[in-house]
Amino acid sequence: MSELVEFLCKGKHPVEASVRKKTREALQDAVKLGYVPVRFTDTRGGTELVVPLDRSRCDLRAIETDSNGSGEIRLVGDLKLDYVAITCVARIDVATLQGEGHLEVRS
């Protein structure tokens, strides 16, 4: 397993939703499409993963409502990083587009 995968599997890491426009609406559009780019900011140069959302494991209520208030969404999706099957789990504040996340190795 790569050092990057090992590092991101240990503890929680700062993340941001790296949508083109840094707005709630852009994040909402990405959620509707089913893919959200999540950037881990504490790696060398940052590590961006496009997370395919598993809606059954996500909590998207804060972004799917019409209110413009704050709230937090939980993104969960399975993908591969450095040939390792992983699950990305991230909590994102819809007002700031920042939060924390981690990876889990799938067996």
PDB file of N, CA and C in Angstrom:
ATOM      1  N   MET A   1       0.852  -1.173   0.000  1.00  0.00           N
ATOM      2  CA  MET A   1       0.000   0.000   0.000  1.00  0.00           C
ATOM      3  C   MET A   1       0.903   1.243   0.000  1.00  0.00           C
ATOM      4  N   SER A   2       0.490   2.268  -0.724  1.00  0.00           N
ATOM      5  CA  SER A   2       1.306   3.472  -0.837  1.00  0.00           C
ATOM      6  C   SER A   2       1.295   4.282   0.458  1.00  0.00           C
ATOM      7  N   GLU A   3       2.316   5.122   0.612  1.00  0.00           N
ATOM      8  CA  GLU A   3       2.392   5.997   1.782  1.00  0.00           C
ATOM      9  C   GLU A   3       1.209   6.949   1.830  1.00  0.00           C
ATOM     10  N   LEU A   4       0.768   7.407   0.664  1.00  0.00           N
ATOM     11  CA  LEU A   4      -0.359   8.336   0.599  1.00  0.00           C
ATOM     12  C   LEU A   4      -1.631   7.697   1.140  1.00  0.00           C
ATOM     13  N   VAL A   5      -1.925   6.491   0.702  1.00  0.00           N
ATOM     14  CA  VAL A   5      -3.127   5.796   1.183  1.00  0.00           C
ATOM     15  C   VAL A   5      -3.012   5.549   2.680  1.00  0.00           C
ATOM     16  N   GLU A   6      -1.865   5.092   3.138  1.00  0.00           N
ATOM     17  CA  GLU A   6      -1.672   4.857   4.575  1.00  0.00           C
ATOM     18  C   GLU A   6      -1.881   6.132   5.377  1.00  0.00           C
ATOM     19  N   PHE A   7      -1.312   7.241   4.900  1.00  0.00           N
ATOM     20  CA  PHE A   7      -1.438   8.525   5.597  1.00  0.00           C
ATOM     21  C   PHE A   7      -2.898   8.953   5.690  1.00  0.00           C
ATOM     22  N   LEU A   8      -3.630   8.868   4.592  1.00  0.00           N
ATOM     23  CA  LEU A   8      -5.021   9.336   4.573  1.00  0.00           C
ATOM     24  C   LEU A   8      -5.975   8.389   5.299  1.00  0.00           C
ATOM     25  N   CYS A   9      -5.521   7.179   5.598  1.00  0.00           N
ATOM     26  CA  CYS A   9      -6.335   6.244   6.379  1.00  0.00           C
ATOM     27  C   CYS A   9      -6.173   6.466   7.882  1.00  0.00           C
ATOM     28  N   LYS A  10      -5.149   7.200   8.274  1.00  0.00           N
ATOM     29  CA  LYS A  10      -4.888   7.423   9.701  1.00  0.00           C
ATOM     30  C   LYS A  10      -5.440   8.776  10.124  1.00  0.00           C
ATOM     31  N   GLY A  11      -6.382   8.773  11.034  1.00  0.00           N
ATOM     32  CA  GLY A  11      -6.912  10.011  11.581  1.00  0.00           C
ATOM     33  C   GLY A  11      -7.788  10.776  10.613  1.00  0.00           C
ATOM     34  N   LYS A  12      -8.121  11.996  11.013  1.00  0.00           N
ATOM     35  CA  LYS A  12      -8.948  12.873  10.195  1.00  0.00           C
ATOM     36  C   LYS A  12      -8.061  13.930   9.557  1.00  0.00           C
ATOM     37  N   HIS A  13      -8.429  14.344   8.352  1.00  0.00           N
ATOM     38  CA  HIS A  13      -7.620  15.282   7.587  1.00  0.00           C
ATOM     39  C   HIS A  13      -8.492  16.430   7.088  1.00  0.00           C
ATOM     40  N   PRO A  14      -7.910  17.628   6.958  1.00  0.00           N
ATOM     41  CA  PRO A  14      -8.687  18.739   6.408  1.00  0.00           C
ATOM     42  C   PRO A  14      -8.982  18.501   4.927  1.00  0.00           C
ATOM     43  N   VAL A  15     -10.221  18.783   4.539  1.00  0.00           N
ATOM     44  CA  VAL A  15     -10.636  18.620   3.147  1.00  0.00           C
ATOM     45  C   VAL A  15     -11.426  19.850   2.708  1.00  0.00           C
ATOM     46  N   GLU A  16     -11.563  19.961   1.395  1.00  0.00           N
ATOM     47  CA  GLU A  16     -12.434  20.979   0.828  1.00  0.00           C
ATOM     48  C   GLU A  16     -13.103  20.405  -0.404  1.00  0.00           C
ATOM     49  N   ALA A  17     -14.326  20.853  -0.653  1.00  0.00           N
ATOM     50  CA  ALA A  17     -14.991  20.494  -1.896  1.00  0.00           C
ATOM     51  C   ALA A  17     -14.367  21.381  -2.962  1.00  0.00           C
ATOM     52  N   SER A  18     -13.693  20.785  -3.933  1.00  0.00           N
ATOM     53  CA  SER A  18     -12.949  21.588  -4.907  1.00  0.00           C
ATOM     54  C   SER A  18     -13.755  21.766  -6.190  1.00  0.00           C
ATOM     55  N   VAL A  19     -14.971  22.270  -6.023  1.00  0.00           N
ATOM     56  CA  VAL A  19     -15.803  22.585  -7.177  1.00  0.00           C
ATOM     57  C   VAL A  19     -15.267  23.850  -7.830  1.00  0.00           C
ATOM     58  N   ARG A  20     -15.511  24.026  -9.134  1.00  0.00           N
ATOM     59  CA  ARG A  20     -14.932  25.162  -9.876  1.00  0.00           C
ATOM     60  C   ARG A  20     -15.269  26.498  -9.251  1.00  0.00           C
ATOM     61  N   LYS A  21     -16.550  26.741  -9.058  1.00  0.00           N
ATOM     62  CA  LYS A  21     -16.964  27.958  -8.366  1.00  0.00           C
ATOM     63  C   LYS A  21     -17.135  27.593  -6.910  1.00  0.00           C
ATOM     64  N   LYS A  22     -16.553  28.341  -6.037  1.00  0.00           N
ATOM     65  CA  LYS A  22     -16.603  28.033  -4.605  1.00  0.00           C
ATOM     66  C   LYS A  22     -17.929  28.513  -4.011  1.00  0.00           C
ATOM     67  N   THR A  23     -19.024  27.917  -4.489  1.00  0.00           N
ATOM     68  CA  THR A  23     -20.349  28.320  -4.025  1.00  0.00           C
ATOM     69  C   THR A  23     -21.168  27.100  -3.621  1.00  0.00           C
ATOM     70  N   ARG A  24     -22.163  27.355  -2.812  1.00  0.00           N
ATOM     71  CA  ARG A  24     -23.103  26.312  -2.409  1.00  0.00           C
ATOM     72  C   ARG A  24     -23.790  25.715  -3.636  1.00  0.00           C
ATOM     73  N   GLU A  25     -24.130  26.569  -4.610  1.00  0.00           N
ATOM     74  CA  GLU A  25     -24.826  26.114  -5.809  1.00  0.00           C
ATOM     75  C   GLU A  25     -23.952  25.157  -6.631  1.00  0.00           C
ATOM     76  N   ALA A  26     -22.655  25.453  -6.729  1.00  0.00           N
ATOM     77  CA  ALA A  26     -21.747  24.574  -7.458  1.00  0.00           C
ATOM     78  C   ALA A  26     -21.637  23.218  -6.759  1.00  0.00           C
ATOM     79  N   LEU A  27     -21.583  23.243  -5.437  1.00  0.00           N
ATOM     80  CA  LEU A  27     -21.550  21.994  -4.679  1.00  0.00           C
ATOM     81  C   LEU A  27     -22.855  21.228  -4.877  1.00  0.00           C
ATOM     82  N   GLN A  28     -23.953  21.948  -4.861  1.00  0.00           N
ATOM     83  CA  GLN A  28     -25.267  21.330  -5.063  1.00  0.00           C
ATOM     84  C   GLN A  28     -25.343  20.662  -6.442  1.00  0.00           C
ATOM     85  N   ASP A  29     -24.798  21.321  -7.463  1.00  0.00           N
ATOM     86  CA  ASP A  29     -24.778  20.750  -8.813  1.00  0.00           C
ATOM     87  C   ASP A  29     -23.945  19.474  -8.863  1.00  0.00           C
ATOM     88  N   ALA A  30     -22.797  19.478  -8.183  1.00  0.00           N
ATOM     89  CA  ALA A  30     -21.950  18.281  -8.156  1.00  0.00           C
ATOM     90  C   ALA A  30     -22.665  17.127  -7.470  1.00  0.00           C
ATOM     91  N   VAL A  31     -23.367  17.420  -6.388  1.00  0.00           N
ATOM     92  CA  VAL A  31     -24.122  16.388  -5.680  1.00  0.00           C
ATOM     93  C   VAL A  31     -25.210  15.815  -6.590  1.00  0.00           C
ATOM     94  N   LYS A  32     -25.899  16.677  -7.324  1.00  0.00           N
ATOM     95  CA  LYS A  32     -26.945  16.216  -8.253  1.00  0.00           C
ATOM     96  C   LYS A  32     -26.375  15.290  -9.320  1.00  0.00           C
ATOM     97  N   LEU A  33     -25.151  15.589  -9.783  1.00  0.00           N
ATOM     98  CA  LEU A  33     -24.503  14.743 -10.785  1.00  0.00           C
ATOM     99  C   LEU A  33     -24.008  13.420 -10.199  1.00  0.00           C
ATOM    100  N   GLY A  34     -23.836  13.394  -8.868  1.00  0.00           N
ATOM    101  CA  GLY A  34     -23.409  12.167  -8.205  1.00  0.00           C
ATOM    102  C   GLY A  34     -21.916  12.020  -8.017  1.00  0.00           C
ATOM    103  N   TYR A  35     -21.153  13.073  -8.332  1.00  0.00           N
ATOM    104  CA  TYR A  35     -19.697  13.045  -8.186  1.00  0.00           C
ATOM    105  C   TYR A  35     -19.244  14.365  -7.574  1.00  0.00           C
ATOM    106  N   VAL A  36     -18.517  14.295  -6.460  1.00  0.00           N
ATOM    107  CA  VAL A  36     -18.031  15.516  -5.808  1.00  0.00           C
ATOM    108  C   VAL A  36     -16.509  15.452  -5.700  1.00  0.00           C
ATOM    109  N   PRO A  37     -15.797  16.452  -6.246  1.00  0.00           N
ATOM    110  CA  PRO A  37     -14.346  16.488  -6.076  1.00  0.00           C
ATOM    111  C   PRO A  37     -13.993  16.920  -4.655  1.00  0.00           C
ATOM    112  N   VAL A  38     -13.227  16.074  -3.970  1.00  0.00           N
ATOM    113  CA  VAL A  38     -12.816  16.338  -2.593  1.00  0.00           C
ATOM    114  C   VAL A  38     -11.295  16.426  -2.582  1.00  0.00           C
ATOM    115  N   ARG A  39     -10.778  17.522  -2.034  1.00  0.00           N
ATOM    116  CA  ARG A  39      -9.328  17.734  -1.988  1.00  0.00           C
ATOM    117  C   ARG A  39      -8.838  17.638  -0.549  1.00  0.00           C
ATOM    118  N   PHE A  40      -7.927  16.697  -0.315  1.00  0.00           N
ATOM    119  CA  PHE A  40      -7.239  16.590   0.977  1.00  0.00           C
ATOM    120  C   PHE A  40      -6.106  17.602   0.937  1.00  0.00           C
ATOM    121  N   THR A  41      -6.166  18.595   1.815  1.00  0.00           N
ATOM    122  CA  THR A  41      -5.238  19.721   1.718  1.00  0.00           C
ATOM    123  C   THR A  41      -3.932  19.529   2.483  1.00  0.00           C
ATOM    124  N   ASP A  42      -3.816  18.482   3.288  1.00  0.00           N
ATOM    125  CA  ASP A  42      -2.596  18.315   4.087  1.00  0.00           C
ATOM    126  C   ASP A  42      -1.613  17.311   3.508  1.00  0.00           C
ATOM    127  N   THR A  43      -1.716  17.055   2.211  1.00  0.00           N
ATOM    128  CA  THR A  43      -0.705  16.235   1.545  1.00  0.00           C
ATOM    129  C   THR A  43       0.148  17.161   0.679  1.00  0.00           C
ATOM    130  N   ARG A  44       1.306  16.695   0.279  1.00  0.00           N
ATOM    131  CA  ARG A  44       2.187  17.520  -0.554  1.00  0.00           C
ATOM    132  C   ARG A  44       1.472  17.876  -1.860  1.00  0.00           C
ATOM    133  N   GLY A  45       1.139  19.137  -2.018  1.00  0.00           N
ATOM    134  CA  GLY A  45       0.450  19.573  -3.226  1.00  0.00           C
ATOM    135  C   GLY A  45      -1.054  19.334  -3.196  1.00  0.00           C
ATOM    136  N   GLY A  46      -1.541  18.673  -2.167  1.00  0.00           N
ATOM    137  CA  GLY A  46      -2.963  18.355  -2.086  1.00  0.00           C
ATOM    138  C   GLY A  46      -3.282  17.120  -2.907  1.00  0.00           C
ATOM    139  N   THR A  47      -4.281  16.397  -2.482  1.00  0.00           N
ATOM    140  CA  THR A  47      -4.718  15.190  -3.186  1.00  0.00           C
ATOM    141  C   THR A  47      -6.197  15.332  -3.478  1.00  0.00           C
ATOM    142  N   GLU A  48      -6.546  15.373  -4.756  1.00  0.00           N
ATOM    143  CA  GLU A  48      -7.948  15.532  -5.134  1.00  0.00           C
ATOM    144  C   GLU A  48      -8.505  14.209  -5.633  1.00  0.00           C
ATOM    145  N   LEU A  49      -9.631  13.829  -5.063  1.00  0.00           N
ATOM    146  CA  LEU A  49     -10.336  12.618  -5.460  1.00  0.00           C
ATOM    147  C   LEU A  49     -11.731  13.009  -5.915  1.00  0.00           C
ATOM    148  N   VAL A  50     -12.161  12.477  -7.037  1.00  0.00           N
ATOM    149  CA  VAL A  50     -13.539  12.685  -7.462  1.00  0.00           C
ATOM    150  C   VAL A  50     -14.335  11.514  -6.893  1.00  0.00           C
ATOM    151  N   VAL A  51     -15.158  11.816  -5.909  1.00  0.00           N
ATOM    152  CA  VAL A  51     -15.843  10.785  -5.142  1.00  0.00           C
ATOM    153  C   VAL A  51     -17.206  10.497  -5.761  1.00  0.00           C
ATOM    154  N   PRO A  52     -17.408   9.256  -6.242  1.00  0.00           N
ATOM    155  CA  PRO A  52     -18.739   8.871  -6.721  1.00  0.00           C
ATOM    156  C   PRO A  52     -19.624   8.606  -5.505  1.00  0.00           C
ATOM    157  N   LEU A  53     -20.684   9.354  -5.373  1.00  0.00           N
ATOM    158  CA  LEU A  53     -21.493   9.287  -4.157  1.00  0.00           C
ATOM    159  C   LEU A  53     -22.305   8.008  -4.068  1.00  0.00           C
ATOM    160  N   ASP A  54     -22.237   7.364  -2.921  1.00  0.00           N
ATOM    161  CA  ASP A  54     -23.118   6.250  -2.584  1.00  0.00           C
ATOM    162  C   ASP A  54     -24.228   6.857  -1.725  1.00  0.00           C
ATOM    163  N   ARG A  55     -25.307   7.243  -2.354  1.00  0.00           N
ATOM    164  CA  ARG A  55     -26.367   7.995  -1.677  1.00  0.00           C
ATOM    165  C   ARG A  55     -26.952   7.266  -0.466  1.00  0.00           C
ATOM    166  N   SER A  56     -26.859   5.949  -0.446  1.00  0.00           N
ATOM    167  CA  SER A  56     -27.396   5.207   0.698  1.00  0.00           C
ATOM    168  C   SER A  56     -26.548   5.414   1.955  1.00  0.00           C
ATOM    169  N   ARG A  57     -25.297   5.827   1.787  1.00  0.00           N
ATOM    170  CA  ARG A  57     -24.413   6.054   2.932  1.00  0.00           C
ATOM    171  C   ARG A  57     -24.126   7.533   3.180  1.00  0.00           C
ATOM    172  N   CYS A  58     -24.613   8.413   2.312  1.00  0.00           N
ATOM    173  CA  CYS A  58     -24.387   9.854   2.452  1.00  0.00           C
ATOM    174  C   CYS A  58     -25.502  10.501   3.263  1.00  0.00           C
ATOM    175  N   ASP A  59     -25.208  11.653   3.826  1.00  0.00           N
ATOM    176  CA  ASP A  59     -26.228  12.507   4.438  1.00  0.00           C
ATOM    177  C   ASP A  59     -26.167  13.837   3.699  1.00  0.00           C
ATOM    178  N   LEU A  60     -27.126  14.047   2.797  1.00  0.00           N
ATOM    179  CA  LEU A  60     -27.102  15.210   1.919  1.00  0.00           C
ATOM    180  C   LEU A  60     -28.219  16.197   2.216  1.00  0.00           C
ATOM    181  N   ARG A  61     -28.897  16.027   3.335  1.00  0.00           N
ATOM    182  CA  ARG A  61     -30.057  16.873   3.644  1.00  0.00           C
ATOM    183  C   ARG A  61     -29.731  18.359   3.641  1.00  0.00           C
ATOM    184  N   ALA A  62     -28.570  18.753   4.145  1.00  0.00           N
ATOM    185  CA  ALA A  62     -28.231  20.176   4.253  1.00  0.00           C
ATOM    186  C   ALA A  62     -28.054  20.843   2.888  1.00  0.00           C
ATOM    187  N   ILE A  63     -27.715  20.075   1.852  1.00  0.00           N
ATOM    188  CA  ILE A  63     -27.515  20.663   0.516  1.00  0.00           C
ATOM    189  C   ILE A  63     -28.758  20.488  -0.347  1.00  0.00           C
ATOM    190  N   GLU A  64     -29.588  19.515  -0.047  1.00  0.00           N
ATOM    191  CA  GLU A  64     -30.766  19.254  -0.871  1.00  0.00           C
ATOM    192  C   GLU A  64     -31.970  20.100  -0.476  1.00  0.00           C
ATOM    193  N   THR A  65     -31.869  20.809   0.637  1.00  0.00           N
ATOM    194  CA  THR A  65     -32.954  21.700   1.025  1.00  0.00           C
ATOM    195  C   THR A  65     -32.769  23.037   0.332  1.00  0.00           C
ATOM    196  N   ASP A  66     -33.809  23.829   0.296  1.00  0.00           N
ATOM    197  CA  ASP A  66     -33.750  25.120  -0.388  1.00  0.00           C
ATOM    198  C   ASP A  66     -33.156  26.227   0.464  1.00  0.00           C
ATOM    199  N   SER A  67     -32.940  25.969   1.742  1.00  0.00           N
ATOM    200  CA  SER A  67     -32.431  27.039   2.608  1.00  0.00           C
ATOM    201  C   SER A  67     -30.981  27.351   2.253  1.00  0.00           C
ATOM    202  N   ASN A  68     -30.608  28.595   2.423  1.00  0.00           N
ATOM    203  CA  ASN A  68     -29.233  29.014   2.147  1.00  0.00           C
ATOM    204  C   ASN A  68     -28.394  29.046   3.410  1.00  0.00           C
ATOM    205  N   GLY A  69     -28.914  28.493   4.492  1.00  0.00           N
ATOM    206  CA  GLY A  69     -28.189  28.492   5.754  1.00  0.00           C
ATOM    207  C   GLY A  69     -27.028  27.527   5.727  1.00  0.00           C
ATOM    208  N   SER A  70     -26.388  27.431   6.853  1.00  0.00           N
ATOM    209  CA  SER A  70     -25.253  26.525   6.942  1.00  0.00           C
ATOM    210  C   SER A  70     -25.750  25.132   7.283  1.00  0.00           C
ATOM    211  N   GLY A  71     -24.879  24.236   7.280  1.00  0.00           N
ATOM    212  CA  GLY A  71     -25.168  22.843   7.584  1.00  0.00           C
ATOM    213  C   GLY A  71     -24.008  22.017   7.097  1.00  0.00           C
ATOM    214  N   GLU A  72     -24.084  20.754   7.358  1.00  0.00           N
ATOM    215  CA  GLU A  72     -22.984  19.869   7.013  1.00  0.00           C
ATOM    216  C   GLU A  72     -23.532  18.681   6.240  1.00  0.00           C
ATOM    217  N   ILE A  73     -22.793  18.265   5.222  1.00  0.00           N
ATOM    218  CA  ILE A  73     -23.159  17.058   4.496  1.00  0.00           C
ATOM    219  C   ILE A  73     -22.081  16.012   4.737  1.00  0.00           C
ATOM    220  N   ARG A  74     -22.482  14.765   4.601  1.00  0.00           N
ATOM    221  CA  ARG A  74     -21.542  13.647   4.736  1.00  0.00           C
ATOM    222  C   ARG A  74     -21.485  12.965   3.382  1.00  0.00           C
ATOM    223  N   LEU A  75     -20.297  12.910   2.813  1.00  0.00           N
ATOM    224  CA  LEU A  75     -20.085  12.283   1.517  1.00  0.00           C
ATOM    225  C   LEU A  75     -19.384  10.950   1.719  1.00  0.00           C
ATOM    226  N   VAL A  76     -19.876   9.921   1.054  1.00  0.00           N
ATOM    227  CA  VAL A  76     -19.250   8.600   1.128  1.00  0.00           C
ATOM    228  C   VAL A  76     -19.255   8.010  -0.278  1.00  0.00           C
ATOM    229  N   GLY A  77     -18.109   7.487  -0.690  1.00  0.00           N
ATOM    230  CA  GLY A  77     -18.028   6.858  -1.995  1.00  0.00           C
ATOM    231  C   GLY A  77     -16.835   5.929  -2.098  1.00  0.00           C
ATOM    232  N   ASP A  78     -16.974   4.927  -2.947  1.00  0.00           N
ATOM    233  CA  ASP A  78     -15.922   3.933  -3.159  1.00  0.00           C
ATOM    234  C   ASP A  78     -15.174   4.246  -4.454  1.00  0.00           C
ATOM    235  N   LEU A  79     -13.855   4.137  -4.401  1.00  0.00           N
ATOM    236  CA  LEU A  79     -13.020   4.351  -5.568  1.00  0.00           C
ATOM    237  C   LEU A  79     -11.668   3.700  -5.343  1.00  0.00           C
ATOM    238  N   LYS A  80     -10.723   3.937  -6.238  1.00  0.00           N
ATOM    239  CA  LYS A  80      -9.367   3.407  -6.077  1.00  0.00           C
ATOM    240  C   LYS A  80      -8.377   4.555  -6.063  1.00  0.00           C
ATOM    241  N   LEU A  81      -7.370   4.424  -5.207  1.00  0.00           N
ATOM    242  CA  LEU A  81      -6.266   5.367  -5.142  1.00  0.00           C
ATOM    243  C   LEU A  81      -4.985   4.552  -5.098  1.00  0.00           C
ATOM    244  N   ASP A  82      -4.092   4.799  -6.022  1.00  0.00           N
ATOM    245  CA  ASP A  82      -2.844   4.034  -6.130  1.00  0.00           C
ATOM    246  C   ASP A  82      -3.124   2.532  -6.169  1.00  0.00           C
ATOM    247  N   TYR A  83      -4.140   2.141  -6.931  1.00  0.00           N
ATOM    248  CA  TYR A  83      -4.525   0.739  -7.143  1.00  0.00           C
ATOM    249  C   TYR A  83      -5.081   0.057  -5.906  1.00  0.00           C
ATOM    250  N   VAL A  84      -5.458   0.829  -4.905  1.00  0.00           N
ATOM    251  CA  VAL A  84      -6.020   0.290  -3.667  1.00  0.00           C
ATOM    252  C   VAL A  84      -7.500   0.665  -3.612  1.00  0.00           C
ATOM    253  N   ALA A  85      -8.360  -0.319  -3.371  1.00  0.00           N
ATOM    254  CA  ALA A  85      -9.794  -0.060  -3.236  1.00  0.00           C
ATOM    255  C   ALA A  85     -10.042   0.629  -1.900  1.00  0.00           C
ATOM    256  N   ILE A  86     -10.625   1.822  -1.960  1.00  0.00           N
ATOM    257  CA  ILE A  86     -10.839   2.614  -0.752  1.00  0.00           C
ATOM    258  C   ILE A  86     -12.268   3.147  -0.711  1.00  0.00           C
ATOM    259  N   THR A  87     -12.653   3.578   0.481  1.00  0.00           N
ATOM    260  CA  THR A  87     -13.869   4.349   0.676  1.00  0.00           C
ATOM    261  C   THR A  87     -13.442   5.707   1.200  1.00  0.00           C
ATOM    262  N   CYS A  88     -13.942   6.764   0.564  1.00  0.00           N
ATOM    263  CA  CYS A  88     -13.667   8.118   1.023  1.00  0.00           C
ATOM    264  C   CYS A  88     -14.865   8.581   1.845  1.00  0.00           C
ATOM    265  N   VAL A  89     -14.604   9.089   3.033  1.00  0.00           N
ATOM    266  CA  VAL A  89     -15.643   9.620   3.914  1.00  0.00           C
ATOM    267  C   VAL A  89     -15.259  11.051   4.249  1.00  0.00           C
ATOM    268  N   ALA A  90     -16.159  11.997   3.955  1.00  0.00           N
ATOM    269  CA  ALA A  90     -15.848  13.405   4.218  1.00  0.00           C
ATOM    270  C   ALA A  90     -17.079  14.124   4.750  1.00  0.00           C
ATOM    271  N   ARG A  91     -16.846  15.025   5.695  1.00  0.00           N
ATOM    272  CA  ARG A  91     -17.885  15.929   6.191  1.00  0.00           C
ATOM    273  C   ARG A  91     -17.545  17.315   5.668  1.00  0.00           C
ATOM    274  N   ILE A  92     -18.489  17.951   4.987  1.00  0.00           N
ATOM    275  CA  ILE A  92     -18.245  19.248   4.360  1.00  0.00           C
ATOM    276  C   ILE A  92     -19.287  20.242   4.860  1.00  0.00           C
ATOM    277  N   ASP A  93     -18.827  21.399   5.316  1.00  0.00           N
ATOM    278  CA  ASP A  93     -19.722  22.487   5.693  1.00  0.00           C
ATOM    279  C   ASP A  93     -20.177  23.162   4.403  1.00  0.00           C
ATOM    280  N   VAL A  94     -21.487  23.267   4.179  1.00  0.00           N
ATOM    281  CA  VAL A  94     -21.980  23.797   2.909  1.00  0.00           C
ATOM    282  C   VAL A  94     -21.750  25.294   2.768  1.00  0.00           C
ATOM    283  N   ALA A  95     -21.507  26.004   3.851  1.00  0.00           N
ATOM    284  CA  ALA A  95     -21.252  27.438   3.775  1.00  0.00           C
ATOM    285  C   ALA A  95     -19.803  27.730   3.382  1.00  0.00           C
ATOM    286  N   THR A  96     -18.862  26.959   3.934  1.00  0.00           N
ATOM    287  CA  THR A  96     -17.439  27.220   3.688  1.00  0.00           C
ATOM    288  C   THR A  96     -16.825  26.259   2.673  1.00  0.00           C
ATOM    289  N   LEU A  97     -17.503  25.159   2.384  1.00  0.00           N
ATOM    290  CA  LEU A  97     -17.021  24.080   1.503  1.00  0.00           C
ATOM    291  C   LEU A  97     -15.780  23.401   2.066  1.00  0.00           C
ATOM    292  N   GLN A  98     -15.566  23.514   3.369  1.00  0.00           N
ATOM    293  CA  GLN A  98     -14.426  22.874   4.024  1.00  0.00           C
ATOM    294  C   GLN A  98     -14.911  21.929   5.107  1.00  0.00           C
ATOM    295  N   GLY A  99     -14.046  21.011   5.489  1.00  0.00           N
ATOM    296  CA  GLY A  99     -14.401  20.065   6.534  1.00  0.00           C
ATOM    297  C   GLY A  99     -13.259  19.124   6.819  1.00  0.00           C
ATOM    298  N   GLU A 100     -13.602  17.875   7.116  1.00  0.00           N
ATOM    299  CA  GLU A 100     -12.574  16.879   7.394  1.00  0.00           C
ATOM    300  C   GLU A 100     -13.000  15.547   6.813  1.00  0.00           C
ATOM    301  N   GLY A 101     -11.990  14.717   6.560  1.00  0.00           N
ATOM    302  CA  GLY A 101     -12.280  13.425   5.949  1.00  0.00           C
ATOM    303  C   GLY A 101     -11.162  12.431   6.165  1.00  0.00           C
ATOM    304  N   HIS A 102     -11.418  11.235   5.714  1.00  0.00           N
ATOM    305  CA  HIS A 102     -10.418  10.173   5.797  1.00  0.00           C
ATOM    306  C   HIS A 102     -10.751   9.104   4.761  1.00  0.00           C
ATOM    307  N   LEU A 103      -9.819   8.172   4.600  1.00  0.00           N
ATOM    308  CA  LEU A 103     -10.026   7.026   3.720  1.00  0.00           C
ATOM    309  C   LEU A 103     -10.105   5.765   4.554  1.00  0.00           C
ATOM    310  N   GLU A 104     -10.801   4.784   4.024  1.00  0.00           N
ATOM    311  CA  GLU A 104     -10.865   3.446   4.617  1.00  0.00           C
ATOM    312  C   GLU A 104     -10.547   2.446   3.512  1.00  0.00           C
ATOM    313  N   VAL A 105      -9.647   1.518   3.786  1.00  0.00           N
ATOM    314  CA  VAL A 105      -9.312   0.486   2.812  1.00  0.00           C
ATOM    315  C   VAL A 105     -10.430  -0.537   2.801  1.00  0.00           C
ATOM    316  N   ARG A 106     -10.909  -0.871   1.595  1.00  0.00           N
ATOM    317  CA  ARG A 106     -11.937  -1.901   1.445  1.00  0.00           C
ATOM    318  C   ARG A 106     -11.264  -3.245   1.227  1.00  0.00           C
ATOM    319  N   SER A 107     -11.861  -4.283   1.798  1.00  0.00           N
ATOM    320  CA  SER A 107     -11.262  -5.610   1.608  1.00  0.00           C
ATOM    321  C   SER A 107     -12.012  -6.413   0.583  1.00  0.00           C
TER     322      SER A 107
END
